[in-house]
Amino acid sequence: MGSTGHCRQIFFIDCPAQLHLYHNALSGSLPSGLYHLTNLHTLFLDHNLISGPVSPLLGELTNLRNVDFSKNFISGSVPNTVGGLKDLVDMRW
C-alpha cells in the first residue's frame, strides 16, 4: 500500500483504497479532500450530479487504477496530469 502520511479521513474512513459512490445523487463540485486520498486505487463516482472541473491534483493520486466520472456534469477536459498515472488501466469520463 502507498504512504498514508498525507491521507485524510473522508466519510469517517481513514485512507480508503476504494470509493464506490455511483448512483448516489451526489451534487456540486468534487471536494478538495478527495485529492488527498493517496491510497485510492478505485474511484467510481459515475451516475451522479457532480459538476465543475476535475482538478489537476487528480494526477497526484499515483495509485489510481480505475476511475469513472461518467454520467455527471463534469466541465472541462481530463487534466494533463493524469498522463503520469502509471497504474491507470481504465478511465471513463
Protein backbone atom coordinates (compact mmCIF):
# COMPACT_ATOMS: atom_id res chain seq x y z
CA MET A 1 0.00 0.00 0.00
CA GLY A 2 1.02 3.58 -0.51
CA SER A 3 2.07 6.01 2.13
CA THR A 4 -0.64 7.27 4.45
CA GLY A 5 1.37 10.26 5.61
CA HIS A 6 -0.77 12.76 3.72
CA CYS A 7 -4.01 10.81 3.56
CA ARG A 8 -7.00 12.35 5.28
CA GLN A 9 -10.17 10.91 6.67
CA ILE A 10 -13.24 11.03 4.43
CA PHE A 11 -16.69 9.75 5.27
CA PHE A 12 -15.29 8.52 8.62
CA ILE A 13 -12.91 6.17 6.81
CA ASP A 14 -9.15 6.57 7.12
CA CYS A 15 -7.33 6.41 3.81
CA PRO A 16 -9.72 4.29 1.76
CA ALA A 17 -8.33 2.32 -1.18
CA GLN A 18 -11.69 2.26 -2.98
CA LEU A 19 -14.61 4.67 -3.21
CA HIS A 20 -17.72 3.28 -4.89
CA LEU A 21 -20.18 6.19 -4.77
CA TYR A 22 -22.02 5.68 -8.04
CA HIS A 23 -25.80 6.26 -8.30
CA ASN A 24 -25.95 8.36 -5.12
CA ALA A 25 -27.32 11.68 -6.42
CA LEU A 26 -24.13 13.42 -5.22
CA SER A 27 -24.14 17.02 -6.42
CA GLY A 28 -21.83 20.00 -6.53
CA SER A 29 -18.12 20.05 -7.20
CA LEU A 30 -15.60 17.46 -6.13
CA PRO A 31 -14.33 18.15 -2.59
CA SER A 32 -10.69 19.17 -2.36
CA GLY A 33 -10.13 16.46 0.26
CA LEU A 34 -10.63 13.85 -2.44
CA TYR A 35 -7.21 14.69 -3.85
CA HIS A 36 -5.53 13.81 -0.53
CA LEU A 37 -6.63 10.16 -0.60
CA THR A 38 -3.23 8.85 -1.56
CA ASN A 39 -4.11 5.15 -1.15
CA LEU A 40 -7.02 5.41 -3.55
CA HIS A 41 -6.84 2.97 -6.46
CA THR A 42 -10.52 2.79 -7.42
CA LEU A 43 -12.77 5.84 -7.71
CA PHE A 44 -16.28 5.31 -9.03
CA LEU A 45 -18.39 8.47 -8.97
CA ASP A 46 -20.45 7.75 -12.08
CA HIS A 47 -24.19 8.41 -12.42
CA ASN A 48 -24.36 11.35 -10.03
CA LEU A 49 -24.95 15.11 -10.38
CA ILE A 50 -21.33 16.20 -9.88
CA SER A 51 -20.48 19.42 -11.71
CA GLY A 52 -17.46 21.59 -12.36
CA PRO A 53 -13.92 20.73 -13.39
CA VAL A 54 -11.68 17.96 -12.14
CA SER A 55 -8.53 19.39 -10.56
CA PRO A 56 -5.07 18.65 -11.97
CA LEU A 57 -4.41 17.31 -8.44
CA LEU A 58 -6.06 14.09 -9.63
CA GLY A 59 -2.66 13.29 -11.13
CA GLU A 60 -1.16 13.18 -7.64
CA LEU A 61 -3.21 10.09 -6.77
CA THR A 62 -0.47 7.86 -8.09
CA ASN A 63 -2.13 4.60 -7.04
CA LEU A 64 -5.23 5.14 -9.19
CA ARG A 65 -6.08 2.21 -11.46
CA ASN A 66 -9.80 2.68 -12.18
CA VAL A 67 -11.68 5.99 -12.40
CA ASP A 68 -15.24 6.61 -13.55
CA PHE A 69 -16.71 10.13 -13.73
CA SER A 70 -19.21 9.27 -16.48
CA LYS A 71 -22.87 10.36 -16.40
CA ASN A 72 -22.16 13.56 -14.43
CA PHE A 73 -21.91 17.22 -15.40
CA ILE A 74 -18.12 17.50 -15.32
CA SER A 75 -16.84 20.53 -17.22
CA GLY A 76 -13.52 20.86 -18.97
CA SER A 77 -11.24 18.12 -20.12
CA VAL A 78 -9.20 15.40 -18.48
CA PRO A 79 -6.31 17.08 -16.63
CA ASN A 80 -2.94 16.60 -18.34
CA THR A 81 -1.50 15.35 -15.06
CA VAL A 82 -3.48 12.12 -15.47
CA GLY A 83 -0.93 11.14 -18.12
CA GLY A 84 1.55 10.49 -15.32
CA LEU A 85 -0.59 7.84 -13.63
CA LYS A 86 1.42 4.72 -14.46
CA ASP A 87 -1.04 2.24 -12.93
CA LEU A 88 -4.17 3.68 -14.56
CA VAL A 89 -5.91 0.98 -16.65
CA ASP A 90 -9.43 2.35 -17.04
CA MET A 91 -10.78 5.91 -17.05
CA ARG A 92 -14.31 6.84 -18.00
CA TRP A 93 -15.15 10.47 -18.45
